[in-house]
C-alpha cells in the first residue's frame, strides 16, 4: 500500500546524502518534498503540518548541525517522527483480570469486520485463548452465516441464536432477533462454557447515521467491553478521519484495526487516524487469508515506509512456520551436500505458508530499490516445482539421478508439466525456487 509514499520519501532523503553540512535551504526543500508526498498519500492536512513542523524544528537544531553525518541524522529524525505519528510503542490487547475478556468490533459496512472477527479469533486461539464469536450483525444479508463460515475456518465457536435477515439460506427481508439481547446472552453463554475471550461482531452501515450509533452504543452498554475496536478500511483515504471521529464521539473506541493494507490505495488513513483520534492502532490485516493478520508495530511500519525493511516481522513469521529442529537438520544436510528433494519440499512448503514470496522479500532492507524484480516474482513457479516433486517416488526424491526418460515422462504427465529434456531440470527448478 505504501509503495508510492515510500518511493517519494526515499528519494527526498536520498538527496541529502553526501552533504557534509546541511543548510536551512536543504532542509526546507526536503521537507517540502516530504509534505507533498504525504498529501498525495491522502494523509490528513493537520497531521502533515504537525509532522513537517516537528521535522524542521529538530533538523535545524543542534542534533543535526553537530552530527558527523547530518543526512543520516535527518533520516533518523524522520523515522522517529513517523513512529510517533503511527503510535509510538506497540499497544497490546488489554485482557480482563477476570475472564472473559469482551472485545466489541465496530465500523462501517464493507470495512471487513466479520472477516476481521475470524482473523482475530484465530490469532487469539494461536496465543492459547479460547475465543467465542458472537453474531450481533442481524441486519446485513448473510452476515450471520458468513460469521459461522469464518468461525469454522478459524476453528472457533460461534454463538448465533438468530439468523438475522436470512433463514435457511433464504432472505426473509426483515430483522430477526434483537442484537442487544444476542450480545448479552452471548456473554452469559461464554461465562457458562468457560470461553476466556468474547468477540462481538456488530452491524455496520454504508454511512454514519443515528441508528448505527444508537445500536452500537446499546450493545456496548449491555456487555461493558474491555476493548472497543474500530475496524477501519485503510483504502477509504481522507474519509477515514471523519469516520473515525464520528465513531469516537458516538460510541467511543479504545483501539483501531486497519484492514486491506495489502490494497493499492495511498494509505493515508494509517498515518492519520492515530494522530487525529489519539487512539492506538492495535492490529493490521494485510490479505484475504485468516493468517494475514498481526499486531501493529509502529516502529516496524515506519521502517518499511522508509525502505529500511522489517526483519523482525520476517523472523517472527519464519519462527511460526518453520520447525527449528527440522531447519537445523536441513542446514546440516545442505552443508554436507546431503539435502534431498524431500527435505527441499518441506522447506518450500513452509515458505509458501508464510505468504507471497514478493511480500516476504519486501521485508528486506532496500526492497524498494528492486520493486520491479519483486513484482516479477511468480509464486506459481514454486507451485510447479512442488507438483513435480510430489509426482516422484520416495526413491526418486532421495536420488534424482535415477530418473531416466520413462520416469521423466511419468512425472511430467502426473504433474501437468512438460517433459524435461534432461535430468538436470530439477536442479534449475530448485535453484529458482530458493
Protein backbone atom coordinates (compact mmCIF):
# COMPACT_ATOMS: atom_id res chain seq x y z
CA UNK A 1 0.00 0.00 0.00
CA UNK A 2 2.78 2.44 0.85
CA UNK A 3 4.91 1.83 -2.25
CA UNK A 4 4.37 5.27 -3.78
CA UNK A 5 4.84 7.10 -0.48
CA UNK A 6 7.91 5.02 0.32
CA UNK A 7 9.48 5.83 -3.06
CA UNK A 8 8.84 9.58 -2.62
CA UNK A 9 10.23 9.70 0.91
CA UNK A 10 13.27 7.61 -0.01
CA UNK A 11 14.05 9.90 -2.95
CA UNK A 12 13.62 13.01 -0.81
CA UNK A 13 16.04 11.76 1.86
CA UNK A 14 18.48 10.39 -0.72
CA UNK A 15 19.06 13.94 -1.94
CA UNK A 16 20.77 14.76 1.35
CA UNK A 17 23.41 12.07 1.08
CA UNK A 18 26.98 13.10 0.58
CA UNK A 19 26.49 16.55 2.06
CA UNK A 20 28.82 17.27 4.94
CA UNK A 21 26.75 20.22 6.05
CA UNK A 22 23.05 20.90 5.62
CA UNK A 23 21.77 24.42 5.09
CA UNK A 24 18.30 25.60 6.04
CA UNK A 25 17.52 25.65 2.32
CA UNK A 26 18.41 21.94 2.04
CA UNK A 27 16.14 21.07 4.95
CA UNK A 28 13.30 23.26 3.65
CA UNK A 29 13.49 21.64 0.20
CA UNK A 30 13.47 18.13 1.70
CA UNK A 31 10.52 18.96 3.97
CA UNK A 32 8.64 20.42 1.01
CA UNK A 33 9.06 17.16 -0.90
CA UNK A 34 8.02 15.12 2.13
CA UNK A 35 4.97 17.34 2.61
CA UNK A 36 3.82 16.81 -0.99
CA UNK A 37 4.38 13.07 -0.70
CA UNK A 38 2.23 12.86 2.43
CA UNK A 39 -0.56 14.96 0.93
CA UNK A 40 -0.59 12.82 -2.21
CA UNK A 41 -0.90 9.77 0.06
CA UNK A 42 -4.13 11.24 1.49
CA UNK A 43 -2.64 11.96 4.91
CA UNK A 44 -4.83 14.49 6.74
CA UNK A 45 -3.58 18.08 6.41
CA UNK A 46 -3.36 18.73 10.19
CA UNK A 47 -1.21 15.62 10.56
CA UNK A 48 1.06 16.72 7.70
CA UNK A 49 1.51 20.19 9.21
CA UNK A 50 2.40 18.81 12.64
CA UNK A 51 4.78 16.25 11.15
CA UNK A 52 6.66 18.76 8.99
CA UNK A 53 6.89 21.30 11.85
CA UNK A 54 8.48 18.72 14.14
CA UNK A 55 10.99 17.65 11.50
CA UNK A 56 12.01 21.24 10.72
CA UNK A 57 12.46 22.15 14.37
CA UNK A 58 14.65 19.13 15.05
CA UNK A 59 16.53 19.17 11.73
CA UNK A 60 17.53 22.81 12.15
CA UNK A 61 18.61 22.25 15.74
CA UNK A 62 21.85 21.21 17.35
CA UNK A 63 21.26 17.45 16.97
CA UNK A 64 21.80 17.78 13.18
CA UNK A 65 24.29 20.63 12.96
CA UNK A 66 26.64 18.85 15.36
CA UNK A 67 26.28 15.42 13.82
CA UNK A 68 29.14 13.75 11.95
CA UNK A 69 26.68 12.66 9.26
CA UNK A 70 23.86 15.23 9.07
CA UNK A 71 21.96 13.36 6.35
CA UNK A 72 21.72 10.18 8.42
CA UNK A 73 20.61 12.25 11.40
CA UNK A 74 17.74 13.74 9.37
CA UNK A 75 16.69 10.24 8.30
CA UNK A 76 16.73 9.23 11.96
CA UNK A 77 14.53 12.21 12.84
CA UNK A 78 12.02 11.43 10.07
CA UNK A 79 11.90 7.80 11.19
CA UNK A 80 11.30 8.76 14.83
CA UNK A 81 8.57 11.27 13.96
CA UNK A 82 6.92 8.75 11.66
CA UNK A 83 6.89 6.23 14.50
CA UNK A 84 5.31 8.91 16.70
CA UNK A 85 2.51 9.55 14.22
CA UNK A 86 1.83 5.81 13.96
CA UNK A 87 1.54 5.50 17.73
CA UNK A 88 4.98 5.18 19.27
CA UNK A 89 5.16 1.93 21.22
CA UNK A 90 3.25 -1.20 20.28
CA UNK A 91 -0.09 -1.39 22.11
CA UNK A 92 -1.18 -4.89 23.10
CA UNK A 93 -4.77 -6.06 23.53
CA UNK A 94 -5.96 -5.44 27.11
CA UNK A 95 -7.28 -8.57 28.79
CA UNK A 96 -9.68 -8.57 31.73
CA UNK A 97 -8.33 -9.64 35.12
CA UNK A 98 -11.30 -12.00 35.41
CA UNK A 99 -12.32 -13.80 32.18
CA UNK A 100 -13.99 -13.49 29.84
CA UNK A 101 -12.41 -10.51 28.10
CA UNK A 102 -15.04 -8.82 25.94
CA UNK A 103 -13.97 -7.24 22.64
CA UNK A 104 -16.53 -5.35 20.58
CA UNK A 105 -15.92 -4.72 16.87
CA UNK A 106 -17.49 -1.64 15.28
CA UNK A 107 -17.19 0.14 11.93
CA UNK A 108 -18.79 0.87 8.60
CA UNK A 109 -20.24 -1.81 6.35
CA UNK A 110 -17.62 -3.09 3.93
CA UNK A 111 -14.69 -2.44 6.25
CA UNK A 112 -14.27 -6.18 6.76
CA UNK A 113 -15.47 -6.55 10.36
CA UNK A 114 -16.83 -10.09 10.03
CA UNK A 115 -13.71 -11.46 8.34
CA UNK A 116 -11.60 -9.49 10.80
CA UNK A 117 -13.51 -11.14 13.66
CA UNK A 118 -12.44 -14.53 12.34
CA UNK A 119 -8.83 -13.41 11.92
CA UNK A 120 -8.69 -12.04 15.46
CA UNK A 121 -10.30 -15.22 16.80
CA UNK A 122 -7.74 -17.39 15.01
CA UNK A 123 -4.90 -15.19 16.28
CA UNK A 124 -6.21 -15.41 19.85
CA UNK A 125 -6.53 -19.19 19.56
CA UNK A 126 -2.91 -19.32 18.45
CA UNK A 127 -2.00 -17.35 21.58
CA UNK A 128 -3.58 -20.03 23.76
CA UNK A 129 -7.01 -18.43 24.31
CA UNK A 130 -10.49 -19.91 23.79
CA UNK A 131 -12.44 -17.22 21.92
CA UNK A 132 -16.17 -17.15 21.19
CA UNK A 133 -17.60 -15.23 18.24
CA UNK A 134 -20.99 -13.60 18.89
CA UNK A 135 -23.12 -12.78 15.82
CA UNK A 136 -24.81 -9.43 16.54
CA UNK A 137 -24.95 -8.27 12.92
CA UNK A 138 -28.55 -9.30 12.26
CA UNK A 139 -29.13 -6.67 9.60
CA UNK A 140 -26.75 -7.30 6.71
CA UNK A 141 -27.96 -10.14 4.45
CA UNK A 142 -25.97 -13.29 5.11
CA UNK A 143 -23.85 -11.73 7.88
CA UNK A 144 -24.65 -14.41 10.47
CA UNK A 145 -23.96 -17.22 8.02
CA UNK A 146 -20.71 -15.54 6.97
CA UNK A 147 -19.54 -15.36 10.58
CA UNK A 148 -20.39 -19.05 11.06
CA UNK A 149 -18.34 -19.95 7.98
CA UNK A 150 -15.43 -17.76 9.09
CA UNK A 151 -15.59 -19.24 12.60
CA UNK A 152 -15.48 -22.77 11.20
CA UNK A 153 -12.45 -21.89 9.09
CA UNK A 154 -10.76 -20.36 12.13
CA UNK A 155 -11.62 -23.38 14.27
CA UNK A 156 -13.54 -21.37 16.90
CA UNK A 157 -17.09 -21.49 18.26
CA UNK A 158 -19.81 -19.08 17.12
CA UNK A 159 -22.85 -18.01 19.17
CA UNK A 160 -25.61 -17.31 16.66
CA UNK A 161 -29.12 -17.93 18.03
CA UNK A 162 -30.82 -15.85 15.33
CA UNK A 163 -30.37 -15.95 11.53
CA UNK A 164 -30.67 -12.17 11.08
CA UNK A 165 -32.24 -11.27 7.75
CA UNK A 166 -31.68 -14.79 6.41
CA UNK A 167 -33.41 -18.02 7.37
CA UNK A 168 -32.27 -21.35 6.00
CA UNK A 169 -30.17 -19.62 3.36
CA UNK A 170 -33.15 -17.52 2.15
CA UNK A 171 -33.52 -13.80 2.68
CA UNK A 172 -36.64 -13.10 4.75
CA UNK A 173 -36.34 -9.35 4.29
CA UNK A 174 -36.85 -8.30 7.89
CA UNK A 175 -34.77 -8.27 11.05
CA UNK A 176 -34.96 -11.48 13.09
CA UNK A 177 -33.77 -11.16 16.67
CA UNK A 178 -32.50 -8.34 18.91
CA UNK A 179 -28.75 -7.60 18.53
CA UNK A 180 -28.50 -6.25 22.07
CA UNK A 181 -30.11 -9.36 23.53
CA UNK A 182 -27.82 -11.58 21.44
CA UNK A 183 -24.77 -9.75 22.79
CA UNK A 184 -25.98 -10.05 26.37
CA UNK A 185 -26.91 -13.73 26.01
CA UNK A 186 -23.66 -14.46 24.19
CA UNK A 187 -21.68 -13.11 27.12
CA UNK A 188 -23.69 -15.27 29.53
CA UNK A 189 -23.09 -18.30 27.29
CA UNK A 190 -19.34 -17.59 27.25
CA UNK A 191 -19.23 -17.46 31.05
CA UNK A 192 -21.19 -20.70 31.37
CA UNK A 193 -18.99 -22.52 28.81
CA UNK A 194 -15.73 -21.02 30.11
CA UNK A 195 -14.64 -19.12 26.99
CA UNK A 196 -11.99 -16.59 28.02
CA UNK A 197 -12.49 -14.07 25.17
CA UNK A 198 -15.76 -12.90 23.61
CA UNK A 199 -15.65 -11.19 20.20
CA UNK A 200 -18.85 -9.27 19.44
CA UNK A 201 -19.41 -8.69 15.72
CA UNK A 202 -21.77 -5.72 15.32
CA UNK A 203 -23.68 -4.37 12.33
CA UNK A 204 -22.29 -1.68 10.07
CA UNK A 205 -23.85 0.85 7.73
CA UNK A 206 -22.91 2.31 4.37
CA UNK A 207 -22.57 5.65 6.14
CA UNK A 208 -22.67 7.27 9.55
CA UNK A 209 -26.21 7.55 10.93
CA UNK A 210 -28.02 7.83 14.27
CA UNK A 211 -29.43 4.28 14.08
CA UNK A 212 -25.95 2.78 13.69
CA UNK A 213 -24.56 4.74 16.62
CA UNK A 214 -27.53 4.01 18.85
CA UNK A 215 -27.41 0.25 18.28
CA UNK A 216 -23.65 0.11 18.79
CA UNK A 217 -23.92 2.19 21.97
CA UNK A 218 -26.67 -0.08 23.37
CA UNK A 219 -24.57 -3.20 22.67
CA UNK A 220 -21.60 -1.52 24.35
CA UNK A 221 -23.67 -0.73 27.43
CA UNK A 222 -25.08 -4.26 27.54
CA UNK A 223 -21.75 -6.13 27.57
CA UNK A 224 -19.39 -3.48 29.05
CA UNK A 225 -16.48 -4.43 26.76
CA UNK A 226 -12.85 -4.34 27.83
CA UNK A 227 -11.91 -3.21 24.31
CA UNK A 228 -13.95 -1.50 21.60
CA UNK A 229 -12.05 -1.87 18.33
CA UNK A 230 -12.89 0.41 15.43
CA UNK A 231 -12.36 -1.53 12.20
CA UNK A 232 -11.18 0.88 9.53
CA UNK A 233 -10.76 0.25 5.82
CA UNK A 234 -7.31 1.69 5.05
CA UNK A 235 -8.35 2.32 1.44
CA UNK A 236 -11.01 4.99 2.12
CA UNK A 237 -8.48 7.83 2.22
CA UNK A 238 -9.47 11.21 3.68
CA UNK A 239 -12.87 9.86 4.79
CA UNK A 240 -11.04 7.75 7.38
CA UNK A 241 -10.57 10.74 9.67
CA UNK A 242 -14.20 11.93 9.64
CA UNK A 243 -15.48 8.36 10.04
CA UNK A 244 -13.18 7.67 12.98
CA UNK A 245 -14.11 10.93 14.69
CA UNK A 246 -17.83 10.21 14.26
CA UNK A 247 -17.47 6.78 15.86
CA UNK A 248 -15.31 8.17 18.66
CA UNK A 249 -17.98 10.74 19.53
CA UNK A 250 -20.97 8.41 19.05
CA UNK A 251 -19.70 5.14 20.54
CA UNK A 252 -16.12 5.60 21.65
CA UNK A 253 -13.37 3.11 20.98
CA UNK A 254 -10.14 2.04 22.64
CA UNK A 255 -8.23 0.87 19.59
CA UNK A 256 -8.14 0.74 15.80
CA UNK A 257 -7.76 -2.22 13.46
CA UNK A 258 -6.64 -1.42 9.92
CA UNK A 259 -7.92 -3.69 7.15
CA UNK A 260 -6.94 -4.04 3.48
CA UNK A 261 -3.38 -2.83 3.99
CA UNK A 262 -2.46 -5.01 1.03
CA UNK A 263 -4.51 -2.81 -1.31
CA UNK A 264 -3.22 -0.34 -3.87
CA UNK A 265 -4.68 2.78 -2.23
CA UNK A 266 -2.45 5.56 -0.94
CA UNK A 267 -2.60 4.58 2.72
CA UNK A 268 -3.14 7.98 4.30
CA UNK A 269 -5.66 6.52 6.75
CA UNK A 270 -2.96 4.57 8.57
CA UNK A 271 -0.89 7.72 9.03
CA UNK A 272 -3.82 9.92 10.07
CA UNK A 273 -6.19 8.02 12.31
CA UNK A 274 -3.96 7.62 15.34
CA UNK A 275 -2.73 11.22 15.34
CA UNK A 276 -6.24 12.65 14.90
CA UNK A 277 -8.10 10.42 17.35
CA UNK A 278 -5.30 9.79 19.85
CA UNK A 279 -6.31 6.11 19.81
CA UNK A 280 -3.66 3.45 19.13
CA UNK A 281 -3.67 1.05 16.19
CA UNK A 282 -3.67 -2.47 17.65
CA UNK A 283 -3.83 -4.78 14.64
CA UNK A 284 -3.42 -4.76 10.87
CA UNK A 285 -4.95 -7.04 8.25
CA UNK A 286 -2.79 -7.50 5.17
CA UNK A 287 -4.62 -10.01 2.98
CA UNK A 288 -7.64 -12.21 2.41
CA UNK A 289 -6.43 -15.28 4.30
CA UNK A 290 -7.17 -15.66 8.00
CA UNK A 291 -3.42 -15.80 8.64
CA UNK A 292 -2.89 -12.37 7.05
CA UNK A 293 -3.24 -10.59 10.38
CA UNK A 294 -0.87 -9.45 13.10
CA UNK A 295 -0.16 -6.96 15.85
CA UNK A 296 0.55 -3.47 14.53
CA UNK A 297 4.10 -2.34 15.30
CA UNK A 298 4.58 1.42 14.64
CA UNK A 299 8.38 1.17 14.51
CA UNK A 300 8.34 -1.68 12.00
CA UNK A 301 5.76 0.03 9.79
CA UNK A 302 7.80 3.24 9.79
CA UNK A 303 10.89 1.26 8.86
CA UNK A 304 9.10 -0.33 5.90
CA UNK A 305 7.73 3.01 4.70
CA UNK A 306 11.26 4.45 4.69
CA UNK A 307 12.61 1.45 2.79
CA UNK A 308 14.56 0.06 5.76
CA UNK A 309 12.79 -3.31 5.72
CA UNK A 310 11.13 -5.24 8.54
CA UNK A 311 13.43 -8.08 9.51
CA UNK A 312 11.80 -8.64 12.91
CA UNK A 313 8.41 -9.45 11.35
CA UNK A 314 10.12 -11.69 8.79
CA UNK A 315 11.92 -13.58 11.57
CA UNK A 316 8.70 -13.95 13.57
CA UNK A 317 6.87 -15.36 10.54
CA UNK A 318 9.69 -17.82 9.94
CA UNK A 319 9.60 -18.96 13.57
CA UNK A 320 5.86 -19.62 13.27
CA UNK A 321 6.09 -21.75 10.14
CA UNK A 322 9.48 -23.47 10.42
CA UNK A 323 10.25 -26.31 12.80
CA UNK A 324 13.55 -25.42 14.49
CA UNK A 325 14.85 -28.99 14.64
CA UNK A 326 13.90 -29.73 11.04
CA UNK A 327 15.52 -26.47 9.87
CA UNK A 328 18.72 -27.30 11.74
CA UNK A 329 18.79 -30.78 10.25
CA UNK A 330 18.20 -29.32 6.76
CA UNK A 331 21.03 -26.82 7.27
CA UNK A 332 23.39 -29.63 8.20
CA UNK A 333 22.36 -31.59 5.11
CA UNK A 334 22.94 -28.54 2.93
CA UNK A 335 26.48 -28.05 4.26
CA UNK A 336 27.25 -31.74 3.82
CA UNK A 337 25.64 -31.93 0.38
CA UNK A 338 23.05 -34.49 1.53
CA UNK A 339 19.88 -32.41 1.04
CA UNK A 340 17.23 -34.45 -0.75
CA UNK A 341 14.22 -33.23 -2.69
CA UNK A 342 12.05 -34.48 0.19
CA UNK A 343 13.87 -32.06 2.52
CA UNK A 344 13.66 -29.31 -0.06
CA UNK A 345 9.91 -29.84 -0.45
CA UNK A 346 9.36 -29.49 3.32
CA UNK A 347 11.29 -26.20 3.39
CA UNK A 348 9.46 -24.89 0.33
CA UNK A 349 6.04 -25.70 1.83
CA UNK A 350 6.99 -23.79 4.99
CA UNK A 351 8.00 -20.76 2.91
CA UNK A 352 4.72 -20.87 0.99
CA UNK A 353 2.77 -20.81 4.28
CA UNK A 354 4.46 -17.52 5.15
CA UNK A 355 2.70 -15.78 2.26
CA UNK A 356 3.55 -14.49 -1.23
CA UNK A 357 7.28 -14.53 -1.94
CA UNK A 358 7.19 -10.91 -3.12
CA UNK A 359 5.79 -9.81 0.25
CA UNK A 360 8.50 -11.70 2.13
CA UNK A 361 11.27 -10.20 0.02
CA UNK A 362 9.65 -6.79 0.51
CA UNK A 363 10.52 -7.02 4.21
CA UNK A 364 14.23 -6.97 3.41
CA UNK A 365 16.13 -3.68 3.70
CA UNK A 366 16.44 -1.91 0.35
CA UNK A 367 13.50 -3.82 -1.15
CA UNK A 368 12.12 -0.59 -2.59
CA UNK A 369 15.14 -0.37 -4.90
CA UNK A 370 14.27 -3.69 -6.51
CA UNK A 371 10.49 -3.31 -6.72
CA UNK A 372 10.44 -4.26 -10.42
CA UNK A 373 12.20 -7.53 -9.62
CA UNK A 374 9.80 -8.19 -6.73
CA UNK A 375 6.81 -7.58 -9.00
CA UNK A 376 8.17 -10.20 -11.40
CA UNK A 377 8.34 -12.91 -8.73
CA UNK A 378 5.91 -15.65 -9.71
CA UNK A 379 4.64 -17.82 -6.87
CA UNK A 380 3.22 -20.25 -9.43
CA UNK A 381 6.78 -21.23 -10.25
CA UNK A 382 7.10 -22.69 -6.75
CA UNK A 383 3.77 -24.43 -7.17
CA UNK A 384 5.02 -26.04 -10.38
CA UNK A 385 8.18 -27.28 -8.66
CA UNK A 386 6.07 -28.59 -5.80
CA UNK A 387 3.83 -30.51 -8.21
CA UNK A 388 6.83 -32.05 -9.97
CA UNK A 389 8.45 -33.22 -6.71
CA UNK A 390 5.15 -34.64 -5.45
CA UNK A 391 4.96 -36.65 -8.68
CA UNK A 392 8.15 -38.52 -7.77
CA UNK A 393 8.51 -41.73 -5.81
CA UNK A 394 10.41 -41.63 -2.47
CA UNK A 395 13.40 -43.25 -4.19
CA UNK A 396 13.42 -40.59 -6.92
CA UNK A 397 13.25 -37.80 -4.36
CA UNK A 398 16.18 -39.30 -2.49
CA UNK A 399 18.29 -39.75 -5.64
CA UNK A 400 17.15 -37.81 -8.75
CA UNK A 401 19.98 -39.36 -10.76
CA UNK A 402 17.90 -42.50 -11.24
CA UNK A 403 15.27 -40.53 -13.18
CA UNK A 404 15.52 -41.76 -16.77
CA UNK A 405 13.44 -40.85 -19.82
CA UNK A 406 10.44 -43.02 -18.95
CA UNK A 407 10.40 -41.75 -15.35
CA UNK A 408 10.62 -38.14 -16.55
CA UNK A 409 7.64 -38.71 -18.81
CA UNK A 410 5.62 -40.23 -15.96
CA UNK A 411 6.48 -37.35 -13.60
CA UNK A 412 5.67 -34.76 -16.25
CA UNK A 413 2.30 -36.33 -17.03
CA UNK A 414 1.44 -36.66 -13.35
CA UNK A 415 2.32 -33.05 -12.51
CA UNK A 416 0.87 -31.44 -15.61
CA UNK A 417 4.31 -30.27 -16.75
CA UNK A 418 6.19 -30.64 -19.99
CA UNK A 419 8.67 -33.48 -20.03
CA UNK A 420 12.13 -32.10 -19.17
CA UNK A 421 14.88 -32.76 -21.65
CA UNK A 422 17.43 -33.94 -19.10
CA UNK A 423 17.78 -34.98 -15.50
CA UNK A 424 19.18 -31.52 -14.68
CA UNK A 425 15.71 -29.94 -14.86
CA UNK A 426 15.05 -30.37 -11.12
CA UNK A 427 18.33 -28.65 -10.23
CA UNK A 428 17.43 -25.49 -12.14
CA UNK A 429 13.87 -25.51 -10.78
CA UNK A 430 15.08 -25.94 -7.22
CA UNK A 431 17.60 -23.10 -7.59
CA UNK A 432 14.89 -20.74 -8.89
CA UNK A 433 12.53 -21.81 -6.10
CA UNK A 434 15.10 -20.96 -3.42
